[in-house]
Amino acid sequence: MARTESTMLPLGTLAPDFYLKDTNSNNTFSFDDLKGSKGTLVMFICNHCPFVHHVIKEIVMIANDYRVQGIGVIAISSNDVVKYPQDGPELMADFAIENKIDFPYLYDESQETAKAYQAACTPDFYLFDNQDKLFYRGQLDDSRPGNGIPLSGSDLRGAIDALIYNRSLKEPQKPSLGCGIKWK
């Protein structure tokens, strides 16, 4: 497994907009269409990455826990599907069904959205406040495939709670670690 860290986009950065097709619904959405009233979680994932497979159940639980509290949840796959056909849009829809992903799973065919977010790995997490400013970027928690640390989602959950309840975040924010995005 290649191990790539997040680039850690500067806090306060405005959410880059996008207009991408949702593989779950076949609709096309922008950031504004999907953002939440209290904030928005944007994550870069893909179908084949062992790091994503390791955390996908926790990601779905976080989405289910926080969407009802006003957090918009968006997943984006930006991998080159010529070299990695298992990450193609048809299989993204299958992956969503298999993993009970009922939030938008968008396909970034041009990779322009990943570049705008400076996404580097899967999974890569970005939490924006209700003014669309980056509030948190980094890891889900300290668990990685094979390291024996149980999944908790503690870092991301702590950031979402801080955002919702207007608390300060613990520092430093640790970068996510995963497979590098497969660039064209």
Protein backbone atom coordinates (compact mmCIF):
# COMPACT_ATOMS: atom_id res chain seq x y z
CA MET A 1 0.00 0.00 0.00
CA ALA A 2 1.33 3.40 -0.94
CA ARG A 3 1.06 5.78 2.00
CA THR A 4 0.35 9.42 1.11
CA GLU A 5 -0.49 12.20 3.60
CA SER A 6 -2.96 15.07 3.18
CA THR A 7 -1.52 18.33 1.91
CA MET A 8 -3.34 20.21 4.70
CA LEU A 9 -5.03 23.03 2.76
CA PRO A 10 -4.84 26.23 4.88
CA LEU A 11 -7.63 26.69 7.42
CA GLY A 12 -10.05 29.45 6.43
CA THR A 13 -9.82 28.57 2.71
CA LEU A 14 -13.17 28.99 0.97
CA ALA A 15 -14.67 25.75 -0.31
CA PRO A 16 -13.85 25.39 -3.99
CA ASP A 17 -17.05 25.00 -5.98
CA PHE A 18 -17.68 22.11 -8.32
CA TYR A 19 -20.36 20.75 -10.59
CA LEU A 20 -20.14 16.95 -10.53
CA LYS A 21 -22.34 13.97 -11.33
CA ASP A 22 -23.63 11.91 -8.40
CA THR A 23 -23.26 8.21 -9.15
CA ASN A 24 -26.05 7.38 -6.67
CA SER A 25 -28.75 9.52 -8.29
CA ASN A 26 -27.37 10.46 -11.74
CA ASN A 27 -28.01 14.11 -10.83
CA THR A 28 -25.34 16.78 -11.10
CA PHE A 29 -24.61 18.92 -8.04
CA SER A 30 -22.55 21.91 -6.97
CA PHE A 31 -21.10 22.52 -3.51
CA ASP A 32 -23.93 25.00 -2.83
CA ASP A 33 -26.55 22.39 -3.71
CA LEU A 34 -25.22 19.98 -1.08
CA LYS A 35 -23.87 22.13 1.74
CA GLY A 36 -25.38 21.85 5.19
CA SER A 37 -26.89 24.61 7.31
CA LYS A 38 -24.17 24.21 9.98
CA GLY A 39 -21.29 23.00 7.82
CA THR A 40 -20.20 20.62 5.13
CA LEU A 41 -17.95 17.58 5.12
CA VAL A 42 -16.23 16.91 1.79
CA MET A 43 -14.23 13.71 1.55
CA PHE A 44 -12.20 12.20 -1.22
CA ILE A 45 -12.57 8.42 -1.32
CA CYS A 46 -12.46 5.68 -3.93
CA ASN A 47 -13.67 2.12 -4.36
CA HIS A 48 -10.42 0.17 -4.28
CA CYS A 49 -8.26 1.81 -1.58
CA PRO A 50 -7.58 -0.41 1.46
CA PHE A 51 -7.52 2.70 3.68
CA VAL A 52 -11.04 3.60 2.51
CA HIS A 53 -12.21 0.01 3.02
CA HIS A 54 -10.81 0.18 6.55
CA VAL A 55 -12.85 3.31 7.46
CA ILE A 56 -15.96 3.20 5.27
CA LYS A 57 -18.32 1.91 7.98
CA GLU A 58 -17.22 4.70 10.34
CA ILE A 59 -17.61 7.27 7.54
CA VAL A 60 -21.19 6.11 6.95
CA MET A 61 -21.92 6.22 10.70
CA ILE A 62 -20.54 9.77 10.93
CA ALA A 63 -22.66 10.82 7.95
CA ASN A 64 -25.77 9.31 9.55
CA ASP A 65 -25.02 10.88 12.94
CA TYR A 66 -24.33 14.41 11.69
CA ARG A 67 -26.54 14.99 8.64
CA VAL A 68 -29.53 15.27 10.99
CA GLN A 69 -27.61 17.99 12.84
CA GLY A 70 -27.17 20.18 9.76
CA ILE A 71 -23.90 18.87 8.32
CA GLY A 72 -23.88 18.29 4.56
CA VAL A 73 -21.90 15.19 3.58
CA ILE A 74 -20.26 14.74 0.18
CA ALA A 75 -17.91 12.02 -1.10
CA ILE A 76 -15.89 12.50 -4.28
CA SER A 77 -13.81 10.04 -6.29
CA SER A 78 -11.19 11.58 -8.55
CA ASN A 79 -9.04 8.61 -9.55
CA ASP A 80 -7.98 7.96 -13.14
CA VAL A 81 -10.43 5.25 -14.22
CA VAL A 82 -8.41 4.32 -17.30
CA LYS A 83 -5.63 2.98 -15.06
CA TYR A 84 -7.99 2.06 -12.20
CA PRO A 85 -11.27 0.90 -13.82
CA GLN A 86 -12.53 -0.42 -10.45
CA ASP A 87 -13.01 3.25 -9.48
CA GLY A 88 -15.29 4.02 -12.44
CA PRO A 89 -18.72 5.60 -11.96
CA GLU A 90 -20.73 2.42 -12.52
CA LEU A 91 -18.74 0.62 -9.84
CA MET A 92 -18.98 3.69 -7.57
CA ALA A 93 -22.75 3.18 -7.54
CA ASP A 94 -22.26 -0.50 -6.63
CA PHE A 95 -19.77 0.45 -3.90
CA ALA A 96 -22.29 2.93 -2.50
CA ILE A 97 -25.02 0.28 -2.35
CA GLU A 98 -22.70 -2.31 -0.78
CA ASN A 99 -21.57 0.14 1.89
CA LYS A 100 -24.94 1.85 2.53
CA ILE A 101 -23.66 5.22 1.28
CA ASP A 102 -26.83 7.25 0.88
CA PHE A 103 -25.13 10.65 0.62
CA PRO A 104 -23.84 11.97 -2.71
CA TYR A 105 -20.86 10.06 -4.14
CA LEU A 106 -19.62 12.33 -6.92
CA TYR A 107 -17.38 11.49 -9.86
CA ASP A 108 -14.60 14.00 -10.61
CA GLU A 109 -13.68 12.81 -14.10
CA SER A 110 -11.51 15.83 -14.95
CA GLN A 111 -9.75 15.76 -11.55
CA GLU A 112 -10.18 19.55 -11.39
CA THR A 113 -12.09 19.33 -8.11
CA ALA A 114 -9.37 17.24 -6.45
CA LYS A 115 -6.78 19.76 -7.64
CA ALA A 116 -8.85 22.70 -6.35
CA TYR A 117 -9.06 21.06 -2.91
CA GLN A 118 -5.39 20.03 -3.08
CA ALA A 119 -6.57 16.50 -2.28
CA ALA A 120 -3.69 14.07 -2.04
CA CYS A 121 -5.00 10.79 -0.70
CA THR A 122 -8.00 8.58 -0.08
CA PRO A 123 -9.52 9.13 2.36
CA ASP A 124 -8.97 12.88 2.64
CA PHE A 125 -11.38 14.94 4.80
CA TYR A 126 -12.35 18.62 4.62
CA LEU A 127 -14.85 20.19 7.04
CA PHE A 128 -16.21 23.62 6.15
CA ASP A 129 -18.21 25.91 8.42
CA ASN A 130 -21.55 27.50 7.53
CA GLN A 131 -19.65 30.34 5.81
CA ASP A 132 -17.92 27.74 3.57
CA LYS A 133 -14.53 28.35 5.26
CA LEU A 134 -12.25 25.40 5.97
CA PHE A 135 -12.52 24.56 9.67
CA TYR A 136 -10.78 21.17 9.76
CA ARG A 137 -8.74 19.04 7.40
CA GLY A 138 -6.97 15.88 8.29
CA GLN A 139 -7.50 12.40 9.61
CA LEU A 140 -10.53 10.45 10.73
CA ASP A 141 -8.60 9.03 13.70
CA ASP A 142 -5.31 7.21 14.39
CA SER A 143 -6.54 3.83 13.09
CA ARG A 144 -4.88 2.49 9.93
CA PRO A 145 -5.12 -0.91 8.26
CA GLY A 146 -3.07 -3.33 10.32
CA ASN A 147 -2.00 -0.99 13.16
CA GLY A 148 -4.37 -2.52 15.73
CA ILE A 149 -5.90 0.81 16.79
CA PRO A 150 -9.70 0.53 16.76
CA LEU A 151 -11.74 2.87 14.58
CA SER A 152 -13.45 5.67 16.48
CA GLY A 153 -13.62 8.62 14.11
CA SER A 154 -12.47 10.66 17.11
CA ASP A 155 -10.55 13.39 15.27
CA LEU A 156 -13.27 14.05 12.69
CA ARG A 157 -16.11 13.66 15.21
CA GLY A 158 -14.33 16.07 17.56
CA ALA A 159 -13.99 18.61 14.75
CA ILE A 160 -17.65 18.31 13.73
CA ASP A 161 -18.76 18.65 17.36
CA ALA A 162 -16.54 21.71 17.78
CA LEU A 163 -18.07 23.24 14.66
CA ILE A 164 -21.67 22.51 15.66
CA TYR A 165 -21.25 23.60 19.29
CA ASN A 166 -18.96 26.58 18.58
CA ARG A 167 -15.93 25.18 20.44
CA SER A 168 -12.26 25.60 19.62
CA LEU A 169 -10.45 22.71 17.97
CA LYS A 170 -7.57 20.81 19.47
CA GLU A 171 -4.27 21.43 17.77
CA PRO A 172 -2.43 20.23 15.86
CA GLN A 173 -4.71 18.74 13.26
CA LYS A 174 -3.08 15.55 11.98
CA PRO A 175 -3.01 14.82 8.24
CA SER A 176 -4.99 11.95 6.83
CA LEU A 177 -3.02 9.04 5.45
CA GLY A 178 -4.06 6.80 2.61
CA CYS A 179 -3.50 5.79 -0.99
CA GLY A 180 -2.39 8.62 -3.23
CA ILE A 181 -4.97 9.94 -5.69
CA LYS A 182 -4.37 8.27 -9.04
CA TRP A 183 -3.64 11.21 -11.33
CA LYS A 184 -3.95 11.09 -15.11
